[in-house]
Amino acid sequence: MTYDEINAPCIDEPMSQADYDLPTLQQILETATLSLSCVERYQLNNIYNVGQWLLLARESFRTAKETGRLVFWSNSFVDWVSERCKMSKTKAYDYMAFTERFAAFPKVLKCQLPFEWFKTNGRRVAAYLRANDQAAAA
């Protein structure tokens, strides 16, 4: 099924018990790229979910390359994302970094600040939250 940015489905988070193969992850990431191109869906929660999908795909990519099940011209995961999932390398890096940085602080996803603010200040905010666990838990 093909989508455009208007009718692309919302971006769900991955199910922890499921095992996703690389072609399935590729389809999910293609749809997620379209979904995030719609301004109404460019929200922290959706970006976080895309980051989770990217992290799963990165592990699946590494496993497939190591076992020889994937023939791809590059050993770089972001090259695969750029070519196969139509997502820029920069966005893939940014989404994965955001997800890795704030996985321990889910309340950040309720924040109304734009994602661009977290790209600039995310490292400092995450360090502050780690140093002040009580404030982060509140």
C-alpha atoms as a PDB file:
ATOM      1  CA  MET A   1       0.000   0.000   0.000  1.00  0.00           C
ATOM      2  CA  THR A   2       1.356   3.423  -0.865  1.00  0.00           C
ATOM      3  CA  TYR A   3       0.831   6.545   1.192  1.00  0.00           C
ATOM      4  CA  ASP A   4       1.423  10.229   0.860  1.00  0.00           C
ATOM      5  CA  GLU A   5       2.171  12.537   3.807  1.00  0.00           C
ATOM      6  CA  ILE A   6      -1.524  13.359   4.286  1.00  0.00           C
ATOM      7  CA  ASN A   7      -2.896   9.825   4.643  1.00  0.00           C
ATOM      8  CA  ALA A   8       0.166   8.124   6.144  1.00  0.00           C
ATOM      9  CA  PRO A   9      -0.692   6.343   9.389  1.00  0.00           C
ATOM     10  CA  CYS A  10       0.493   7.492  12.786  1.00  0.00           C
ATOM     11  CA  ILE A  11       3.814   6.176  13.984  1.00  0.00           C
ATOM     12  CA  ASP A  12       3.359   3.484  16.601  1.00  0.00           C
ATOM     13  CA  GLU A  13       6.117   2.354  18.888  1.00  0.00           C
ATOM     14  CA  PRO A  14       7.612  -1.098  18.277  1.00  0.00           C
ATOM     15  CA  MET A  15       6.291  -4.014  20.283  1.00  0.00           C
ATOM     16  CA  SER A  16       9.021  -5.296  22.569  1.00  0.00           C
ATOM     17  CA  GLN A  17       8.246  -8.990  22.113  1.00  0.00           C
ATOM     18  CA  ALA A  18       8.100  -8.897  18.313  1.00  0.00           C
ATOM     19  CA  ASP A  19      11.007  -9.776  16.065  1.00  0.00           C
ATOM     20  CA  TYR A  20      11.126  -7.603  12.946  1.00  0.00           C
ATOM     21  CA  ASP A  21      13.035  -8.486   9.794  1.00  0.00           C
ATOM     22  CA  LEU A  22      14.872  -5.844   7.769  1.00  0.00           C
ATOM     23  CA  PRO A  23      12.364  -5.622   4.858  1.00  0.00           C
ATOM     24  CA  THR A  24       9.529  -5.035   7.349  1.00  0.00           C
ATOM     25  CA  LEU A  25      11.555  -2.372   9.119  1.00  0.00           C
ATOM     26  CA  GLN A  26      12.300  -0.760   5.762  1.00  0.00           C
ATOM     27  CA  GLN A  27       8.562  -0.472   5.002  1.00  0.00           C
ATOM     28  CA  ILE A  28       7.846   0.930   8.463  1.00  0.00           C
ATOM     29  CA  LEU A  29      10.620   3.525   8.116  1.00  0.00           C
ATOM     30  CA  GLU A  30       9.461   4.559   4.623  1.00  0.00           C
ATOM     31  CA  THR A  31       5.962   5.166   5.997  1.00  0.00           C
ATOM     32  CA  ALA A  32       7.375   6.953   9.052  1.00  0.00           C
ATOM     33  CA  THR A  33       9.408   9.265   6.821  1.00  0.00           C
ATOM     34  CA  LEU A  34       6.232  10.232   4.992  1.00  0.00           C
ATOM     35  CA  SER A  35       4.328  10.660   8.236  1.00  0.00           C
ATOM     36  CA  LEU A  36       6.921  13.007   9.710  1.00  0.00           C
ATOM     37  CA  SER A  37       6.864  15.142   6.572  1.00  0.00           C
ATOM     38  CA  CYS A  38       3.360  16.217   7.625  1.00  0.00           C
ATOM     39  CA  VAL A  39       3.720  19.148  10.022  1.00  0.00           C
ATOM     40  CA  GLU A  40       0.964  17.919  12.365  1.00  0.00           C
ATOM     41  CA  ARG A  41       2.857  14.662  12.987  1.00  0.00           C
ATOM     42  CA  TYR A  42       6.294  16.252  13.568  1.00  0.00           C
ATOM     43  CA  GLN A  43       6.018  15.843  17.330  1.00  0.00           C
ATOM     44  CA  LEU A  44       8.470  14.587  19.935  1.00  0.00           C
ATOM     45  CA  ASN A  45       6.532  11.379  20.569  1.00  0.00           C
ATOM     46  CA  ASN A  46       6.486  10.448  16.875  1.00  0.00           C
ATOM     47  CA  ILE A  47      10.155  11.347  16.465  1.00  0.00           C
ATOM     48  CA  TYR A  48      10.975   9.195  19.492  1.00  0.00           C
ATOM     49  CA  ASN A  49       9.038   6.263  17.989  1.00  0.00           C
ATOM     50  CA  VAL A  50      10.855   6.645  14.665  1.00  0.00           C
ATOM     51  CA  GLY A  51      14.124   6.646  16.618  1.00  0.00           C
ATOM     52  CA  GLN A  52      13.111   3.345  18.227  1.00  0.00           C
ATOM     53  CA  TRP A  53      12.369   1.859  14.782  1.00  0.00           C
ATOM     54  CA  LEU A  54      15.718   3.128  13.502  1.00  0.00           C
ATOM     55  CA  LEU A  55      17.568   1.543  16.426  1.00  0.00           C
ATOM     56  CA  LEU A  56      15.844  -1.789  15.743  1.00  0.00           C
ATOM     57  CA  ALA A  57      16.690  -1.500  12.052  1.00  0.00           C
ATOM     58  CA  ARG A  58      20.322  -0.678  12.863  1.00  0.00           C
ATOM     59  CA  GLU A  59      20.663  -3.892  14.865  1.00  0.00           C
ATOM     60  CA  SER A  60      18.906  -5.904  12.168  1.00  0.00           C
ATOM     61  CA  PHE A  61      21.165  -4.320   9.515  1.00  0.00           C
ATOM     62  CA  ARG A  62      24.319  -5.202  11.472  1.00  0.00           C
ATOM     63  CA  THR A  63      23.157  -8.771  11.985  1.00  0.00           C
ATOM     64  CA  ALA A  64      22.216  -9.185   8.321  1.00  0.00           C
ATOM     65  CA  LYS A  65      25.584  -7.796   7.181  1.00  0.00           C
ATOM     66  CA  GLU A  66      27.542 -10.003   9.598  1.00  0.00           C
ATOM     67  CA  THR A  67      25.708 -13.162   8.541  1.00  0.00           C
ATOM     68  CA  GLY A  68      25.861 -12.312   4.834  1.00  0.00           C
ATOM     69  CA  ARG A  69      22.070 -12.187   4.414  1.00  0.00           C
ATOM     70  CA  LEU A  70      22.216  -8.600   3.155  1.00  0.00           C
ATOM     71  CA  VAL A  71      24.040  -7.524   0.042  1.00  0.00           C
ATOM     72  CA  PHE A  72      24.431  -3.765   0.171  1.00  0.00           C
ATOM     73  CA  TRP A  73      27.253  -1.639  -1.202  1.00  0.00           C
ATOM     74  CA  SER A  74      28.037   0.013   2.148  1.00  0.00           C
ATOM     75  CA  ASN A  75      28.585  -1.206   5.689  1.00  0.00           C
ATOM     76  CA  SER A  76      27.088   2.026   6.996  1.00  0.00           C
ATOM     77  CA  PHE A  77      23.555   1.784   8.337  1.00  0.00           C
ATOM     78  CA  VAL A  78      22.747   5.410   7.522  1.00  0.00           C
ATOM     79  CA  ASP A  79      23.669   4.814   3.878  1.00  0.00           C
ATOM     80  CA  TRP A  80      21.078   2.022   3.843  1.00  0.00           C
ATOM     81  CA  VAL A  81      18.475   4.267   5.513  1.00  0.00           C
ATOM     82  CA  SER A  82      19.145   7.061   3.053  1.00  0.00           C
ATOM     83  CA  GLU A  83      18.895   4.827   0.001  1.00  0.00           C
ATOM     84  CA  ARG A  84      16.200   2.353   1.002  1.00  0.00           C
ATOM     85  CA  CYS A  85      13.989   4.306   3.417  1.00  0.00           C
ATOM     86  CA  LYS A  86      14.195   7.744   1.799  1.00  0.00           C
ATOM     87  CA  MET A  87      15.248   9.402   5.059  1.00  0.00           C
ATOM     88  CA  SER A  88      18.231  11.735   5.154  1.00  0.00           C
ATOM     89  CA  LYS A  89      21.303  10.575   7.036  1.00  0.00           C
ATOM     90  CA  THR A  90      21.194  13.647   9.254  1.00  0.00           C
ATOM     91  CA  LYS A  91      17.599  13.035  10.294  1.00  0.00           C
ATOM     92  CA  ALA A  92      18.340   9.365  10.992  1.00  0.00           C
ATOM     93  CA  TYR A  93      21.276  10.331  13.236  1.00  0.00           C
ATOM     94  CA  ASP A  94      19.229  13.030  14.978  1.00  0.00           C
ATOM     95  CA  TYR A  95      16.224  10.761  15.629  1.00  0.00           C
ATOM     96  CA  MET A  96      18.385   7.912  16.972  1.00  0.00           C
ATOM     97  CA  ALA A  97      20.370  10.302  19.189  1.00  0.00           C
ATOM     98  CA  PHE A  98      17.171  11.812  20.588  1.00  0.00           C
ATOM     99  CA  THR A  99      15.766   8.349  21.345  1.00  0.00           C
ATOM    100  CA  GLU A 100      18.972   7.095  22.959  1.00  0.00           C
ATOM    101  CA  ARG A 101      19.392  10.283  24.978  1.00  0.00           C
ATOM    102  CA  PHE A 102      15.869  10.497  26.365  1.00  0.00           C
ATOM    103  CA  ALA A 103      14.822   6.837  26.665  1.00  0.00           C
ATOM    104  CA  ALA A 104      15.238   7.063  30.449  1.00  0.00           C
ATOM    105  CA  PHE A 105      13.158  10.252  30.625  1.00  0.00           C
ATOM    106  CA  PRO A 106       9.762   9.590  28.974  1.00  0.00           C
ATOM    107  CA  LYS A 107       8.220  12.757  30.437  1.00  0.00           C
ATOM    108  CA  VAL A 108      10.330  14.770  27.996  1.00  0.00           C
ATOM    109  CA  LEU A 109       7.978  13.562  25.252  1.00  0.00           C
ATOM    110  CA  LYS A 110       5.175  15.623  26.795  1.00  0.00           C
ATOM    111  CA  CYS A 111       7.198  18.795  26.402  1.00  0.00           C
ATOM    112  CA  GLN A 112       5.891  21.364  23.946  1.00  0.00           C
ATOM    113  CA  LEU A 113       9.325  22.540  22.815  1.00  0.00           C
ATOM    114  CA  PRO A 114      10.173  21.891  19.165  1.00  0.00           C
ATOM    115  CA  PHE A 115      12.498  19.050  18.159  1.00  0.00           C
ATOM    116  CA  GLU A 116      15.028  21.557  16.828  1.00  0.00           C
ATOM    117  CA  TRP A 117      15.470  22.848  20.386  1.00  0.00           C
ATOM    118  CA  PHE A 118      16.371  19.327  21.533  1.00  0.00           C
ATOM    119  CA  LYS A 119      18.850  18.970  18.670  1.00  0.00           C
ATOM    120  CA  THR A 120      20.671  22.034  19.969  1.00  0.00           C
ATOM    121  CA  ASN A 121      20.271  21.538  23.734  1.00  0.00           C
ATOM    122  CA  GLY A 122      19.605  17.812  24.099  1.00  0.00           C
ATOM    123  CA  ARG A 123      23.015  16.826  25.361  1.00  0.00           C
ATOM    124  CA  ARG A 124      22.923  19.427  28.160  1.00  0.00           C
ATOM    125  CA  VAL A 125      19.314  18.631  29.102  1.00  0.00           C
ATOM    126  CA  ALA A 126      20.017  14.888  29.268  1.00  0.00           C
ATOM    127  CA  ALA A 127      23.112  15.503  31.404  1.00  0.00           C
ATOM    128  CA  TYR A 128      21.066  17.685  33.766  1.00  0.00           C
ATOM    129  CA  LEU A 129      18.319  15.051  34.021  1.00  0.00           C
ATOM    130  CA  ARG A 130      20.843  12.296  34.724  1.00  0.00           C
ATOM    131  CA  ALA A 131      22.527  14.424  37.411  1.00  0.00           C
ATOM    132  CA  ASN A 132      19.199  15.297  39.033  1.00  0.00           C
ATOM    133  CA  ASP A 133      17.260  12.041  39.012  1.00  0.00           C
ATOM    134  CA  GLN A 134      14.709  13.325  41.535  1.00  0.00           C
ATOM    135  CA  ALA A 135      13.821  16.307  39.346  1.00  0.00           C
ATOM    136  CA  ALA A 136      13.545  14.046  36.305  1.00  0.00           C
ATOM    137  CA  ALA A 137      11.229  11.627  38.111  1.00  0.00           C
ATOM    138  CA  ALA A 138       8.885  14.407  39.264  1.00  0.00           C
END
